[in-house]
Amino acid sequence: MSAIVLLTDERDRVLLVKPNYRDYWALPGGILDPGELPHECAEREVVEETGLKIEARALLVVDFAPPLGDRPKPMINFLFDGGLVADPGLIRLQSDELDGFDFFSWKEAADRLPDFTAARIPAAREARLAGRTIYLPATR
């Protein structure tokens, strides 16, 4: 299982981070540690990756992903609303794993994610606006 966070700025742009071990951008987050709850993982990962202390608020998206590539087991991903980044100047990247960060329009953010996770961005926007969780089943 993994947990990620949607963070936006005052211009309603989406925060993405650029892992140095992948060719694509990602929402902040990661894999749950043993005994960790999804919202705890989301909060921990955001602090580790960006230095921002946030509260994982509403659960926006639950995404099921079948085995893919070098991942032999299916994944369940929880996408939480982390709210507004009022001062992007407070972001301190974890340089061990990340090369950069930036804020992108909703469309640009979805375009920077790989095809197998890009649907999370419009689903998160819809969920945030509607005030409900969206389930994204894997496409067959």
Protein backbone atom coordinates (compact mmCIF):
# COMPACT_ATOMS: atom_id res chain seq x y z
CA MET A 1 0.00 0.00 0.00
CA SER A 2 1.05 3.55 -0.61
CA ALA A 3 -0.19 6.98 0.39
CA ILE A 4 0.25 10.28 -1.42
CA VAL A 5 -0.87 13.85 -0.87
CA LEU A 6 -2.46 16.54 -3.01
CA LEU A 7 -1.03 19.94 -2.11
CA THR A 8 -1.89 23.10 -4.03
CA ASP A 9 -0.69 26.67 -3.93
CA GLU A 10 -2.67 29.92 -3.76
CA ARG A 11 -3.04 29.83 -7.57
CA ASP A 12 -4.64 26.34 -7.41
CA ARG A 13 -1.61 24.65 -8.93
CA VAL A 14 -0.60 21.11 -7.94
CA LEU A 15 2.70 20.39 -6.15
CA LEU A 16 4.75 17.64 -7.79
CA VAL A 17 8.17 16.32 -6.86
CA LYS A 18 10.76 14.86 -9.22
CA PRO A 19 12.30 11.63 -7.88
CA ASN A 20 15.92 11.15 -8.99
CA TYR A 21 15.32 7.41 -9.47
CA ARG A 22 12.44 7.82 -11.98
CA ASP A 23 11.95 9.57 -15.31
CA TYR A 24 8.63 11.10 -14.27
CA TRP A 25 7.21 13.44 -11.64
CA ALA A 26 5.03 12.33 -8.72
CA LEU A 27 2.77 13.56 -5.97
CA PRO A 28 4.57 13.56 -2.60
CA GLY A 29 4.16 10.24 -0.77
CA GLY A 30 5.39 6.70 -0.56
CA ILE A 31 5.03 3.15 0.73
CA LEU A 32 3.54 2.41 4.15
CA ASP A 33 5.92 1.21 6.84
CA PRO A 34 4.90 -1.89 8.85
CA GLY A 35 2.17 -0.98 11.34
CA GLU A 36 1.66 2.48 9.81
CA LEU A 37 -1.77 3.81 8.89
CA PRO A 38 -2.22 5.34 5.42
CA HIS A 39 -2.77 8.90 6.68
CA GLU A 40 0.30 8.59 8.94
CA CYS A 41 2.37 7.49 5.96
CA ALA A 42 1.12 10.41 3.88
CA GLU A 43 2.03 12.92 6.59
CA ARG A 44 5.44 11.32 7.24
CA GLU A 45 6.35 11.18 3.57
CA VAL A 46 5.45 14.83 2.98
CA VAL A 47 7.66 15.89 5.90
CA GLU A 48 10.51 13.67 4.68
CA GLU A 49 10.26 14.78 1.05
CA THR A 50 9.40 18.47 1.39
CA GLY A 51 9.94 19.48 5.02
CA LEU A 52 6.29 20.58 5.19
CA LYS A 53 4.30 19.44 8.22
CA ILE A 54 0.78 18.81 6.99
CA GLU A 55 -2.37 17.08 8.12
CA ALA A 56 -3.71 14.40 5.78
CA ARG A 57 -7.27 15.62 5.55
CA ALA A 58 -10.02 14.14 3.42
CA LEU A 59 -9.38 10.91 1.55
CA LEU A 60 -9.79 12.01 -2.08
CA VAL A 61 -8.92 8.94 -4.13
CA VAL A 62 -8.46 5.22 -3.58
CA ASP A 63 -6.63 3.73 -6.53
CA PHE A 64 -6.16 0.02 -7.25
CA ALA A 65 -3.24 -0.85 -9.52
CA PRO A 66 -2.61 -4.38 -10.82
CA PRO A 67 0.92 -5.85 -10.94
CA LEU A 68 3.06 -3.85 -13.34
CA GLY A 69 6.63 -4.21 -14.57
CA ASP A 70 8.97 -5.07 -11.71
CA ARG A 71 6.09 -4.86 -9.18
CA PRO A 72 4.74 -8.44 -8.93
CA LYS A 73 1.84 -7.62 -6.58
CA PRO A 74 -1.13 -5.27 -6.88
CA MET A 75 -1.05 -1.92 -5.08
CA ILE A 76 -3.67 0.12 -3.29
CA ASN A 77 -2.94 3.83 -3.15
CA PHE A 78 -4.61 6.35 -0.86
CA LEU A 79 -4.56 9.99 -2.02
CA PHE A 80 -5.24 12.50 0.75
CA ASP A 81 -5.94 16.21 0.59
CA GLY A 82 -3.06 18.06 2.23
CA GLY A 83 -4.52 21.51 1.66
CA LEU A 84 -2.78 24.72 0.67
CA VAL A 85 0.95 25.41 0.67
CA ALA A 86 0.78 29.02 1.82
CA ASP A 87 4.54 29.60 1.62
CA PRO A 88 6.40 27.50 -0.99
CA GLY A 89 9.61 29.05 0.35
CA LEU A 90 9.33 26.67 3.31
CA ILE A 91 9.81 23.61 1.07
CA ARG A 92 13.08 21.81 1.81
CA LEU A 93 13.60 18.90 -0.58
CA GLN A 94 14.99 15.56 0.50
CA SER A 95 18.02 15.61 -1.77
CA ASP A 96 18.70 11.86 -1.36
CA GLU A 97 15.65 10.97 -3.46
CA LEU A 98 14.39 14.16 -5.11
CA ASP A 99 15.85 16.40 -7.80
CA GLY A 100 13.21 19.10 -7.68
CA PHE A 101 9.67 20.29 -7.13
CA ASP A 102 7.30 22.64 -8.87
CA PHE A 103 3.66 23.67 -8.99
CA PHE A 104 1.73 22.85 -12.17
CA SER A 105 -1.76 23.44 -13.51
CA TRP A 106 -4.04 20.44 -13.05
CA LYS A 107 -3.60 19.43 -16.69
CA GLU A 108 0.18 19.90 -16.64
CA ALA A 109 0.40 17.86 -13.44
CA ALA A 110 -1.54 14.97 -14.98
CA ASP A 111 0.63 15.16 -18.11
CA ARG A 112 3.83 14.83 -16.04
CA LEU A 113 2.67 11.65 -14.28
CA PRO A 114 3.02 8.26 -15.96
CA ASP A 115 -0.05 6.90 -17.75
CA PHE A 116 -0.76 4.40 -14.97
CA THR A 117 -1.14 7.14 -12.30
CA ALA A 118 -2.20 10.23 -14.32
CA ALA A 119 -5.93 9.64 -13.67
CA ARG A 120 -5.33 10.39 -9.99
CA ILE A 121 -4.99 14.12 -10.73
CA PRO A 122 -8.41 14.80 -12.33
CA ALA A 123 -10.02 12.36 -9.87
CA ALA A 124 -8.48 14.27 -6.93
CA ARG A 125 -9.75 17.55 -8.34
CA GLU A 126 -13.25 16.16 -8.79
CA ALA A 127 -13.20 14.62 -5.30
CA ARG A 128 -11.99 17.85 -3.70
CA LEU A 129 -14.70 19.89 -5.44
CA ALA A 130 -17.47 17.36 -4.75
CA GLY A 131 -16.41 16.61 -1.17
CA ARG A 132 -16.37 12.84 -1.71
CA THR A 133 -13.89 10.02 -2.24
CA ILE A 134 -13.43 8.57 -5.71
CA TYR A 135 -12.47 4.94 -6.35
CA LEU A 136 -10.25 4.33 -9.36
CA PRO A 137 -10.31 0.67 -10.32
CA ALA A 138 -7.56 -0.59 -12.55
CA THR A 139 -8.38 -0.72 -16.22
CA ARG A 140 -8.24 -4.13 -17.77
